[in-house]
Amino acid sequence: MGKIFISILSAYAVVYFRFPFRKTAFWIIFVTLMLPVEVRIYPTYKVVSDLHMLDTYAGLILPLIASATGTLLFRQFFMTIPDELWKPPASTARDPSASSGIRCCLCR
């Protein structure tokens, strides 16, 4: 559950937020898919050891919670969503509460 949540948040940030080096951040995430697990074992162990999390649940969970595969798949999904579906429509109605279709539906 946590892996999916983190992947959704990171993919959403890469797709919808505008920040410097946004594409570079995505490519760094993407390149980690090309690294086999064997290459990442020692650095992961070193980081967990330096944070004094050996023999703890946090030491098992935290290094593996971020998933480049999930981020890639959710990014591709978010890129297929048209802008008209997630941006609120321009307010053309006289009623100020009708500025958003979702808010308008919830108020009734």
PDB file of N, CA and C in Angstrom:
ATOM      1  N   MET A   1       0.821  -1.190   0.000  1.00  0.00           N
ATOM      2  CA  MET A   1       0.000   0.000   0.000  1.00  0.00           C
ATOM      3  C   MET A   1       0.872   1.265   0.000  1.00  0.00           C
ATOM      4  N   GLY A   2       1.909   1.253   0.814  1.00  0.00           N
ATOM      5  CA  GLY A   2       2.795   2.414   0.871  1.00  0.00           C
ATOM      6  C   GLY A   2       3.569   2.617  -0.413  1.00  0.00           C
ATOM      7  N   LYS A   3       3.934   1.508  -1.063  1.00  0.00           N
ATOM      8  CA  LYS A   3       4.685   1.588  -2.317  1.00  0.00           C
ATOM      9  C   LYS A   3       3.831   2.234  -3.403  1.00  0.00           C
ATOM     10  N   ILE A   4       2.557   1.873  -3.451  1.00  0.00           N
ATOM     11  CA  ILE A   4       1.652   2.464  -4.439  1.00  0.00           C
ATOM     12  C   ILE A   4       1.447   3.945  -4.145  1.00  0.00           C
ATOM     13  N   PHE A   5       1.258   4.292  -2.881  1.00  0.00           N
ATOM     14  CA  PHE A   5       1.038   5.682  -2.487  1.00  0.00           C
ATOM     15  C   PHE A   5       2.239   6.556  -2.855  1.00  0.00           C
ATOM     16  N   ILE A   6       3.439   6.097  -2.552  1.00  0.00           N
ATOM     17  CA  ILE A   6       4.651   6.853  -2.878  1.00  0.00           C
ATOM     18  C   ILE A   6       4.809   6.982  -4.391  1.00  0.00           C
ATOM     19  N   SER A   7       4.521   5.914  -5.127  1.00  0.00           N
ATOM     20  CA  SER A   7       4.633   5.957  -6.588  1.00  0.00           C
ATOM     21  C   SER A   7       3.644   6.940  -7.194  1.00  0.00           C
ATOM     22  N   ILE A   8       2.410   6.955  -6.676  1.00  0.00           N
ATOM     23  CA  ILE A   8       1.404   7.893  -7.184  1.00  0.00           C
ATOM     24  C   ILE A   8       1.835   9.326  -6.911  1.00  0.00           C
ATOM     25  N   LEU A   9       2.317   9.592  -5.705  1.00  0.00           N
ATOM     26  CA  LEU A   9       2.738  10.957  -5.363  1.00  0.00           C
ATOM     27  C   LEU A   9       3.911  11.421  -6.230  1.00  0.00           C
ATOM     28  N   SER A  10       4.891  10.560  -6.431  1.00  0.00           N
ATOM     29  CA  SER A  10       6.046  10.978  -7.224  1.00  0.00           C
ATOM     30  C   SER A  10       5.677  11.145  -8.697  1.00  0.00           C
ATOM     31  N   ALA A  11       4.825  10.281  -9.224  1.00  0.00           N
ATOM     32  CA  ALA A  11       4.401  10.421 -10.624  1.00  0.00           C
ATOM     33  C   ALA A  11       3.555  11.669 -10.809  1.00  0.00           C
ATOM     34  N   TYR A  12       2.680  11.947  -9.871  1.00  0.00           N
ATOM     35  CA  TYR A  12       1.846  13.151  -9.944  1.00  0.00           C
ATOM     36  C   TYR A  12       2.724  14.401  -9.940  1.00  0.00           C
ATOM     37  N   ALA A  13       3.736  14.410  -9.078  1.00  0.00           N
ATOM     38  CA  ALA A  13       4.630  15.568  -9.003  1.00  0.00           C
ATOM     39  C   ALA A  13       5.402  15.757 -10.303  1.00  0.00           C
ATOM     40  N   VAL A  14       5.870  14.666 -10.887  1.00  0.00           N
ATOM     41  CA  VAL A  14       6.650  14.770 -12.117  1.00  0.00           C
ATOM     42  C   VAL A  14       5.785  15.239 -13.287  1.00  0.00           C
ATOM     43  N   VAL A  15       4.513  14.860 -13.299  1.00  0.00           N
ATOM     44  CA  VAL A  15       3.648  15.211 -14.429  1.00  0.00           C
ATOM     45  C   VAL A  15       3.033  16.602 -14.274  1.00  0.00           C
ATOM     46  N   TYR A  16       2.494  16.929 -13.112  1.00  0.00           N
ATOM     47  CA  TYR A  16       1.675  18.130 -12.977  1.00  0.00           C
ATOM     48  C   TYR A  16       2.375  19.337 -12.369  1.00  0.00           C
ATOM     49  N   PHE A  17       3.416  19.147 -11.583  1.00  0.00           N
ATOM     50  CA  PHE A  17       4.105  20.286 -10.988  1.00  0.00           C
ATOM     51  C   PHE A  17       5.205  20.759 -11.916  1.00  0.00           C
ATOM     52  N   ARG A  18       5.340  22.039 -12.043  1.00  0.00           N
ATOM     53  CA  ARG A  18       6.405  22.619 -12.869  1.00  0.00           C
ATOM     54  C   ARG A  18       7.528  23.075 -11.934  1.00  0.00           C
ATOM     55  N   PHE A  19       8.664  22.422 -12.025  1.00  0.00           N
ATOM     56  CA  PHE A  19       9.817  22.798 -11.215  1.00  0.00           C
ATOM     57  C   PHE A  19      11.078  22.586 -12.045  1.00  0.00           C
ATOM     58  N   PRO A  20      12.165  23.258 -11.668  1.00  0.00           N
ATOM     59  CA  PRO A  20      13.407  23.113 -12.441  1.00  0.00           C
ATOM     60  C   PRO A  20      13.896  21.659 -12.415  1.00  0.00           C
ATOM     61  N   PHE A  21      14.417  21.214 -13.513  1.00  0.00           N
ATOM     62  CA  PHE A  21      14.961  19.866 -13.666  1.00  0.00           C
ATOM     63  C   PHE A  21      13.918  18.775 -13.454  1.00  0.00           C
ATOM     64  N   ARG A  22      12.694  19.065 -13.844  1.00  0.00           N
ATOM     65  CA  ARG A  22      11.606  18.095 -13.708  1.00  0.00           C
ATOM     66  C   ARG A  22      11.874  16.861 -14.560  1.00  0.00           C
ATOM     67  N   LYS A  23      12.270  17.070 -15.799  1.00  0.00           N
ATOM     68  CA  LYS A  23      12.551  15.932 -16.682  1.00  0.00           C
ATOM     69  C   LYS A  23      13.805  15.190 -16.239  1.00  0.00           C
ATOM     70  N   THR A  24      14.763  15.914 -15.709  1.00  0.00           N
ATOM     71  CA  THR A  24      15.967  15.271 -15.196  1.00  0.00           C
ATOM     72  C   THR A  24      15.629  14.371 -14.016  1.00  0.00           C
ATOM     73  N   ALA A  25      14.746  14.840 -13.142  1.00  0.00           N
ATOM     74  CA  ALA A  25      14.321  14.020 -12.003  1.00  0.00           C
ATOM     75  C   ALA A  25      13.648  12.740 -12.480  1.00  0.00           C
ATOM     76  N   PHE A  26      12.805  12.862 -13.499  1.00  0.00           N
ATOM     77  CA  PHE A  26      12.167  11.653 -14.024  1.00  0.00           C
ATOM     78  C   PHE A  26      13.194  10.705 -14.620  1.00  0.00           C
ATOM     79  N   TRP A  27      14.153  11.226 -15.374  1.00  0.00           N
ATOM     80  CA  TRP A  27      15.141  10.345 -15.992  1.00  0.00           C
ATOM     81  C   TRP A  27      16.037   9.672 -14.958  1.00  0.00           C
ATOM     82  N   ILE A  28      16.299  10.346 -13.858  1.00  0.00           N
ATOM     83  CA  ILE A  28      17.072   9.704 -12.782  1.00  0.00           C
ATOM     84  C   ILE A  28      16.275   8.537 -12.199  1.00  0.00           C
ATOM     85  N   ILE A  29      14.977   8.753 -12.009  1.00  0.00           N
ATOM     86  CA  ILE A  29      14.114   7.663 -11.535  1.00  0.00           C
ATOM     87  C   ILE A  29      14.092   6.533 -12.561  1.00  0.00           C
ATOM     88  N   PHE A  30      13.981   6.899 -13.831  1.00  0.00           N
ATOM     89  CA  PHE A  30      13.889   5.908 -14.896  1.00  0.00           C
ATOM     90  C   PHE A  30      15.178   5.095 -15.024  1.00  0.00           C
ATOM     91  N   VAL A  31      16.321   5.729 -14.886  1.00  0.00           N
ATOM     92  CA  VAL A  31      17.608   5.035 -15.021  1.00  0.00           C
ATOM     93  C   VAL A  31      17.788   3.996 -13.917  1.00  0.00           C
ATOM     94  N   THR A  32      17.198   4.227 -12.751  1.00  0.00           N
ATOM     95  CA  THR A  32      17.324   3.231 -11.681  1.00  0.00           C
ATOM     96  C   THR A  32      16.662   1.909 -12.044  1.00  0.00           C
ATOM     97  N   LEU A  33      15.752   1.921 -13.021  1.00  0.00           N
ATOM     98  CA  LEU A  33      15.175   0.659 -13.489  1.00  0.00           C
ATOM     99  C   LEU A  33      16.213  -0.211 -14.182  1.00  0.00           C
ATOM    100  N   MET A  34      17.236   0.411 -14.722  1.00  0.00           N
ATOM    101  CA  MET A  34      18.256  -0.333 -15.453  1.00  0.00           C
ATOM    102  C   MET A  34      19.316  -0.943 -14.537  1.00  0.00           C
ATOM    103  N   LEU A  35      19.305  -0.558 -13.274  1.00  0.00           N
ATOM    104  CA  LEU A  35      20.277  -1.113 -12.338  1.00  0.00           C
ATOM    105  C   LEU A  35      19.734  -2.406 -11.742  1.00  0.00           C
ATOM    106  N   PRO A  36      20.472  -3.491 -11.832  1.00  0.00           N
ATOM    107  CA  PRO A  36      19.988  -4.731 -11.211  1.00  0.00           C
ATOM    108  C   PRO A  36      20.040  -4.617  -9.683  1.00  0.00           C
ATOM    109  N   VAL A  37      19.291  -5.475  -9.045  1.00  0.00           N
ATOM    110  CA  VAL A  37      19.207  -5.460  -7.578  1.00  0.00           C
ATOM    111  C   VAL A  37      20.585  -5.689  -6.960  1.00  0.00           C
ATOM    112  N   GLU A  38      21.386  -6.516  -7.579  1.00  0.00           N
ATOM    113  CA  GLU A  38      22.712  -6.831  -7.043  1.00  0.00           C
ATOM    114  C   GLU A  38      23.591  -5.600  -6.908  1.00  0.00           C
ATOM    115  N   VAL A  39      23.405  -4.629  -7.794  1.00  0.00           N
ATOM    116  CA  VAL A  39      24.201  -3.401  -7.748  1.00  0.00           C
ATOM    117  C   VAL A  39      23.756  -2.515  -6.594  1.00  0.00           C
ATOM    118  N   ARG A  40      22.494  -2.614  -6.214  1.00  0.00           N
ATOM    119  CA  ARG A  40      21.952  -1.735  -5.178  1.00  0.00           C
ATOM    120  C   ARG A  40      22.012  -2.313  -3.768  1.00  0.00           C
ATOM    121  N   ILE A  41      22.427  -3.556  -3.625  1.00  0.00           N
ATOM    122  CA  ILE A  41      22.408  -4.192  -2.302  1.00  0.00           C
ATOM    123  C   ILE A  41      23.371  -3.508  -1.336  1.00  0.00           C
ATOM    124  N   TYR A  42      24.633  -3.360  -1.709  1.00  0.00           N
ATOM    125  CA  TYR A  42      25.607  -2.783  -0.780  1.00  0.00           C
ATOM    126  C   TYR A  42      25.288  -1.324  -0.421  1.00  0.00           C
ATOM    127  N   PRO A  43      24.995  -0.432  -1.386  1.00  0.00           N
ATOM    128  CA  PRO A  43      24.663   0.944  -0.995  1.00  0.00           C
ATOM    129  C   PRO A  43      23.429   1.019  -0.080  1.00  0.00           C
ATOM    130  N   THR A  44      22.448   0.171  -0.340  1.00  0.00           N
ATOM    131  CA  THR A  44      21.263   0.157   0.524  1.00  0.00           C
ATOM    132  C   THR A  44      21.633  -0.289   1.930  1.00  0.00           C
ATOM    133  N   TYR A  45      22.438  -1.326   2.030  1.00  0.00           N
ATOM    134  CA  TYR A  45      22.886  -1.796   3.342  1.00  0.00           C
ATOM    135  C   TYR A  45      23.679  -0.720   4.067  1.00  0.00           C
ATOM    136  N   LYS A  46      24.547  -0.029   3.342  1.00  0.00           N
ATOM    137  CA  LYS A  46      25.384   1.026   3.946  1.00  0.00           C
ATOM    138  C   LYS A  46      24.518   2.163   4.497  1.00  0.00           C
ATOM    139  N   VAL A  47      23.513   2.582   3.732  1.00  0.00           N
ATOM    140  CA  VAL A  47      22.638   3.667   4.183  1.00  0.00           C
ATOM    141  C   VAL A  47      21.850   3.230   5.419  1.00  0.00           C
ATOM    142  N   VAL A  48      21.304   2.034   5.389  1.00  0.00           N
ATOM    143  CA  VAL A  48      20.536   1.529   6.533  1.00  0.00           C
ATOM    144  C   VAL A  48      21.441   1.394   7.754  1.00  0.00           C
ATOM    145  N   SER A  49      22.659   0.952   7.547  1.00  0.00           N
ATOM    146  CA  SER A  49      23.613   0.817   8.649  1.00  0.00           C
ATOM    147  C   SER A  49      23.988   2.184   9.227  1.00  0.00           C
ATOM    148  N   ASP A  50      24.228   3.157   8.362  1.00  0.00           N
ATOM    149  CA  ASP A  50      24.594   4.497   8.836  1.00  0.00           C
ATOM    150  C   ASP A  50      23.450   5.171   9.590  1.00  0.00           C
ATOM    151  N   LEU A  51      22.217   4.826   9.261  1.00  0.00           N
ATOM    152  CA  LEU A  51      21.057   5.386   9.961  1.00  0.00           C
ATOM    153  C   LEU A  51      20.671   4.568  11.190  1.00  0.00           C
ATOM    154  N   HIS A  52      21.469   3.556  11.518  1.00  0.00           N
ATOM    155  CA  HIS A  52      21.243   2.694  12.685  1.00  0.00           C
ATOM    156  C   HIS A  52      19.857   2.046  12.637  1.00  0.00           C
ATOM    157  N   MET A  53      19.499   1.550  11.466  1.00  0.00           N
ATOM    158  CA  MET A  53      18.208   0.894  11.320  1.00  0.00           C
ATOM    159  C   MET A  53      18.346  -0.599  11.023  1.00  0.00           C
ATOM    160  N   LEU A  54      19.523  -1.168  11.264  1.00  0.00           N
ATOM    161  CA  LEU A  54      19.684  -2.606  11.071  1.00  0.00           C
ATOM    162  C   LEU A  54      18.830  -3.346  12.088  1.00  0.00           C
ATOM    163  N   ASP A  55      18.284  -4.469  11.691  1.00  0.00           N
ATOM    164  CA  ASP A  55      17.442  -5.316  12.548  1.00  0.00           C
ATOM    165  C   ASP A  55      16.190  -4.600  13.027  1.00  0.00           C
ATOM    166  N   THR A  56      15.650  -3.717  12.209  1.00  0.00           N
ATOM    167  CA  THR A  56      14.380  -3.060  12.524  1.00  0.00           C
ATOM    168  C   THR A  56      13.441  -3.186  11.326  1.00  0.00           C
ATOM    169  N   TYR A  57      12.152  -3.024  11.588  1.00  0.00           N
ATOM    170  CA  TYR A  57      11.190  -3.041  10.491  1.00  0.00           C
ATOM    171  C   TYR A  57      11.401  -1.857   9.553  1.00  0.00           C
ATOM    172  N   ALA A  58      11.744  -0.710  10.114  1.00  0.00           N
ATOM    173  CA  ALA A  58      11.990   0.466   9.275  1.00  0.00           C
ATOM    174  C   ALA A  58      13.155   0.228   8.322  1.00  0.00           C
ATOM    175  N   GLY A  59      14.163  -0.496   8.758  1.00  0.00           N
ATOM    176  CA  GLY A  59      15.288  -0.818   7.903  1.00  0.00           C
ATOM    177  C   GLY A  59      14.917  -1.736   6.750  1.00  0.00           C
ATOM    178  N   LEU A  60      13.854  -2.509   6.933  1.00  0.00           N
ATOM    179  CA  LEU A  60      13.373  -3.366   5.852  1.00  0.00           C
ATOM    180  C   LEU A  60      12.428  -2.629   4.914  1.00  0.00           C
ATOM    181  N   ILE A  61      11.600  -1.771   5.476  1.00  0.00           N
ATOM    182  CA  ILE A  61      10.528  -1.141   4.700  1.00  0.00           C
ATOM    183  C   ILE A  61      11.011   0.080   3.926  1.00  0.00           C
ATOM    184  N   LEU A  62      11.687   1.002   4.588  1.00  0.00           N
ATOM    185  CA  LEU A  62      12.025   2.290   3.965  1.00  0.00           C
ATOM    186  C   LEU A  62      12.888   2.201   2.704  1.00  0.00           C
ATOM    187  N   PRO A  63      13.916   1.352   2.649  1.00  0.00           N
ATOM    188  CA  PRO A  63      14.706   1.322   1.404  1.00  0.00           C
ATOM    189  C   PRO A  63      13.934   0.782   0.204  1.00  0.00           C
ATOM    190  N   LEU A  64      12.909  -0.012   0.442  1.00  0.00           N
ATOM    191  CA  LEU A  64      12.186  -0.645  -0.661  1.00  0.00           C
ATOM    192  C   LEU A  64      10.852   0.009  -0.973  1.00  0.00           C
ATOM    193  N   ILE A  65      10.495   1.069  -0.273  1.00  0.00           N
ATOM    194  CA  ILE A  65       9.164   1.648  -0.451  1.00  0.00           C
ATOM    195  C   ILE A  65       9.038   2.459  -1.740  1.00  0.00           C
ATOM    196  N   ALA A  66      10.124   3.016  -2.219  1.00  0.00           N
ATOM    197  CA  ALA A  66      10.075   3.780  -3.474  1.00  0.00           C
ATOM    198  C   ALA A  66      10.247   2.821  -4.643  1.00  0.00           C
ATOM    199  N   SER A  67       9.362   2.942  -5.624  1.00  0.00           N
ATOM    200  CA  SER A  67       9.386   2.025  -6.756  1.00  0.00           C
ATOM    201  C   SER A  67       9.471   2.814  -8.063  1.00  0.00           C
ATOM    202  N   ALA A  68      10.553   2.615  -8.796  1.00  0.00           N
ATOM    203  CA  ALA A  68      10.690   3.293 -10.078  1.00  0.00           C
ATOM    204  C   ALA A  68       9.703   2.743 -11.089  1.00  0.00           C
ATOM    205  N   THR A  69       9.396   1.462 -11.009  1.00  0.00           N
ATOM    206  CA  THR A  69       8.432   0.864 -11.930  1.00  0.00           C
ATOM    207  C   THR A  69       7.049   1.465 -11.729  1.00  0.00           C
ATOM    208  N   GLY A  70       6.631   1.567 -10.479  1.00  0.00           N
ATOM    209  CA  GLY A  70       5.332   2.173 -10.190  1.00  0.00           C
ATOM    210  C   GLY A  70       5.270   3.626 -10.613  1.00  0.00           C
ATOM    211  N   THR A  71       6.337   4.359 -10.369  1.00  0.00           N
ATOM    212  CA  THR A  71       6.379   5.760 -10.776  1.00  0.00           C
ATOM    213  C   THR A  71       6.268   5.891 -12.292  1.00  0.00           C
ATOM    214  N   LEU A  72       6.963   5.049 -13.021  1.00  0.00           N
ATOM    215  CA  LEU A  72       6.894   5.076 -14.480  1.00  0.00           C
ATOM    216  C   LEU A  72       5.481   4.768 -14.969  1.00  0.00           C
ATOM    217  N   LEU A  73       4.859   3.733 -14.416  1.00  0.00           N
ATOM    218  CA  LEU A  73       3.515   3.348 -14.867  1.00  0.00           C
ATOM    219  C   LEU A  73       2.477   4.411 -14.524  1.00  0.00           C
ATOM    220  N   PHE A  74       2.534   4.958 -13.323  1.00  0.00           N
ATOM    221  CA  PHE A  74       1.583   6.009 -12.946  1.00  0.00           C
ATOM    222  C   PHE A  74       1.837   7.293 -13.729  1.00  0.00           C
ATOM    223  N   ARG A  75       3.091   7.590 -14.044  1.00  0.00           N
ATOM    224  CA  ARG A  75       3.392   8.773 -14.865  1.00  0.00           C
ATOM    225  C   ARG A  75       2.757   8.635 -16.236  1.00  0.00           C
ATOM    226  N   GLN A  76       2.910   7.471 -16.833  1.00  0.00           N
ATOM    227  CA  GLN A  76       2.318   7.249 -18.146  1.00  0.00           C
ATOM    228  C   GLN A  76       0.789   7.369 -18.075  1.00  0.00           C
ATOM    229  N   PHE A  77       0.185   6.886 -17.004  1.00  0.00           N
ATOM    230  CA  PHE A  77      -1.258   7.006 -16.855  1.00  0.00           C
ATOM    231  C   PHE A  77      -1.678   8.474 -16.708  1.00  0.00           C
ATOM    232  N   PHE A  78      -0.974   9.213 -15.855  1.00  0.00           N
ATOM    233  CA  PHE A  78      -1.321  10.624 -15.639  1.00  0.00           C
ATOM    234  C   PHE A  78      -1.144  11.444 -16.913  1.00  0.00           C
ATOM    235  N   MET A  79      -0.201  11.069 -17.762  1.00  0.00           N
ATOM    236  CA  MET A  79       0.014  11.814 -19.004  1.00  0.00           C
ATOM    237  C   MET A  79      -1.115  11.583 -20.010  1.00  0.00           C
ATOM    238  N   THR A  80      -1.880  10.512 -19.845  1.00  0.00           N
ATOM    239  CA  THR A  80      -2.992  10.252 -20.765  1.00  0.00           C
ATOM    240  C   THR A  80      -4.267  10.990 -20.364  1.00  0.00           C
ATOM    241  N   ILE A  81      -4.312  11.545 -19.157  1.00  0.00           N
ATOM    242  CA  ILE A  81      -5.509  12.258 -18.695  1.00  0.00           C
ATOM    243  C   ILE A  81      -5.536  13.645 -19.344  1.00  0.00           C
ATOM    244  N   PRO A  82      -6.611  13.979 -20.050  1.00  0.00           N
ATOM    245  CA  PRO A  82      -6.673  15.307 -20.672  1.00  0.00           C
ATOM    246  C   PRO A  82      -6.734  16.412 -19.613  1.00  0.00           C
ATOM    247  N   ASP A  83      -6.192  17.571 -19.961  1.00  0.00           N
ATOM    248  CA  ASP A  83      -6.183  18.705 -19.033  1.00  0.00           C
ATOM    249  C   ASP A  83      -7.592  19.136 -18.641  1.00  0.00           C
ATOM    250  N   GLU A  84      -8.554  18.941 -19.514  1.00  0.00           N
ATOM    251  CA  GLU A  84      -9.923  19.372 -19.237  1.00  0.00           C
ATOM    252  C   GLU A  84     -10.542  18.602 -18.077  1.00  0.00           C
ATOM    253  N   LEU A  85     -10.033  17.424 -17.776  1.00  0.00           N
ATOM    254  CA  LEU A  85     -10.617  16.621 -16.700  1.00  0.00           C
ATOM    255  C   LEU A  85     -10.110  16.994 -15.316  1.00  0.00           C
ATOM    256  N   TRP A  86      -8.906  17.511 -15.218  1.00  0.00           N
ATOM    257  CA  TRP A  86      -8.406  17.794 -13.877  1.00  0.00           C
ATOM    258  C   TRP A  86      -8.311  19.280 -13.575  1.00  0.00           C
ATOM    259  N   LYS A  87      -8.394  20.145 -14.569  1.00  0.00           N
ATOM    260  CA  LYS A  87      -8.413  21.581 -14.308  1.00  0.00           C
ATOM    261  C   LYS A  87      -9.856  22.038 -14.155  1.00  0.00           C
ATOM    262  N   PRO A  88     -10.128  22.928 -13.208  1.00  0.00           N
ATOM    263  CA  PRO A  88     -11.504  23.422 -13.078  1.00  0.00           C
ATOM    264  C   PRO A  88     -11.888  24.274 -14.280  1.00  0.00           C
ATOM    265  N   PRO A  89     -13.137  24.208 -14.690  1.00  0.00           N
ATOM    266  CA  PRO A  89     -13.558  25.007 -15.842  1.00  0.00           C
ATOM    267  C   PRO A  89     -13.574  26.490 -15.518  1.00  0.00           C
ATOM    268  N   ALA A  90     -13.484  27.313 -16.541  1.00  0.00           N
ATOM    269  CA  ALA A  90     -13.546  28.764 -16.347  1.00  0.00           C
ATOM    270  C   ALA A  90     -14.946  29.130 -15.879  1.00  0.00           C
ATOM    271  N   SER A  91     -15.013  30.071 -14.985  1.00  0.00           N
ATOM    272  CA  SER A  91     -16.301  30.473 -14.420  1.00  0.00           C
ATOM    273  C   SER A  91     -17.057  31.330 -15.437  1.00  0.00           C
ATOM    274  N   THR A  92     -18.084  30.742 -16.038  1.00  0.00           N
ATOM    275  CA  THR A  92     -18.914  31.479 -16.982  1.00  0.00           C
ATOM    276  C   THR A  92     -20.312  31.699 -16.425  1.00  0.00           C
ATOM    277  N   ALA A  93     -20.594  31.076 -15.294  1.00  0.00           N
ATOM    278  CA  ALA A  93     -21.932  31.215 -14.702  1.00  0.00           C
ATOM    279  C   ALA A  93     -21.988  32.455 -13.821  1.00  0.00           C
ATOM    280  N   ARG A  94     -23.197  32.923 -13.573  1.00  0.00           N
ATOM    281  CA  ARG A  94     -23.363  34.082 -12.686  1.00  0.00           C
ATOM    282  C   ARG A  94     -23.198  33.691 -11.224  1.00  0.00           C
ATOM    283  N   ASP A  95     -23.499  32.464 -10.919  1.00  0.00           N
ATOM    284  CA  ASP A  95     -23.411  31.985  -9.545  1.00  0.00           C
ATOM    285  C   ASP A  95     -21.949  31.678  -9.204  1.00  0.00           C
ATOM    286  N   PRO A  96     -21.368  32.319  -8.163  1.00  0.00           N
ATOM    287  CA  PRO A  96     -19.962  32.058  -7.829  1.00  0.00           C
ATOM    288  C   PRO A  96     -19.722  30.634  -7.344  1.00  0.00           C
ATOM    289  N   SER A  97     -20.758  29.962  -6.825  1.00  0.00           N
ATOM    290  CA  SER A  97     -20.563  28.590  -6.355  1.00  0.00           C
ATOM    291  C   SER A  97     -20.502  27.610  -7.515  1.00  0.00           C
ATOM    292  N   ALA A  98     -20.800  28.042  -8.721  1.00  0.00           N
ATOM    293  CA  ALA A  98     -20.766  27.163  -9.880  1.00  0.00           C
ATOM    294  C   ALA A  98     -19.421  27.233 -10.599  1.00  0.00           C
ATOM    295  N   SER A  99     -18.377  27.687  -9.930  1.00  0.00           N
ATOM    296  CA  SER A  99     -17.078  27.814 -10.577  1.00  0.00           C
ATOM    297  C   SER A  99     -16.434  26.464 -10.828  1.00  0.00           C
ATOM    298  N   SER A 100     -16.819  25.470 -10.089  1.00  0.00           N
ATOM    299  CA  SER A 100     -16.269  24.136 -10.276  1.00  0.00           C
ATOM    300  C   SER A 100     -17.403  23.123 -10.310  1.00  0.00           C
ATOM    301  N   GLY A 101     -17.340  22.220 -11.257  1.00  0.00           N
ATOM    302  CA  GLY A 101     -18.394  21.240 -11.388  1.00  0.00           C
ATOM    303  C   GLY A 101     -18.495  20.337 -10.175  1.00  0.00           C
ATOM    304  N   ILE A 102     -17.367  19.978  -9.580  1.00  0.00           N
ATOM    305  CA  ILE A 102     -17.385  19.096  -8.420  1.00  0.00           C
ATOM    306  C   ILE A 102     -17.986  19.815  -7.225  1.00  0.00           C
ATOM    307  N   ARG A 103     -17.569  21.030  -6.994  1.00  0.00           N
ATOM    308  CA  ARG A 103     -18.098  21.781  -5.865  1.00  0.00           C
ATOM    309  C   ARG A 103     -19.589  22.043  -6.032  1.00  0.00           C
ATOM    310  N   CYS A 104     -19.997  22.284  -7.256  1.00  0.00           N
ATOM    311  CA  CYS A 104     -21.402  22.544  -7.523  1.00  0.00           C
ATOM    312  C   CYS A 104     -22.241  21.313  -7.223  1.00  0.00           C
ATOM    313  N   CYS A 105     -21.746  20.145  -7.594  1.00  0.00           N
ATOM    314  CA  CYS A 105     -22.476  18.900  -7.327  1.00  0.00           C
ATOM    315  C   CYS A 105     -22.558  18.601  -5.840  1.00  0.00           C
ATOM    316  N   LEU A 106     -21.498  18.918  -5.107  1.00  0.00           N
ATOM    317  CA  LEU A 106     -21.488  18.646  -3.675  1.00  0.00           C
ATOM    318  C   LEU A 106     -22.385  19.590  -2.894  1.00  0.00           C
ATOM    319  N   CYS A 107     -22.632  20.786  -3.420  1.00  0.00           N
ATOM    320  CA  CYS A 107     -23.449  21.763  -2.703  1.00  0.00           C
ATOM    321  C   CYS A 107     -24.942  21.469  -2.813  1.00  0.00           C
ATOM    322  N   ARG A 108     -25.329  20.751  -3.806  1.00  0.00           N
ATOM    323  CA  ARG A 108     -26.764  20.499  -4.006  1.00  0.00           C
ATOM    324  C   ARG A 108     -27.302  19.426  -3.139  1.00  0.00           C
TER     325      ARG A 108
END
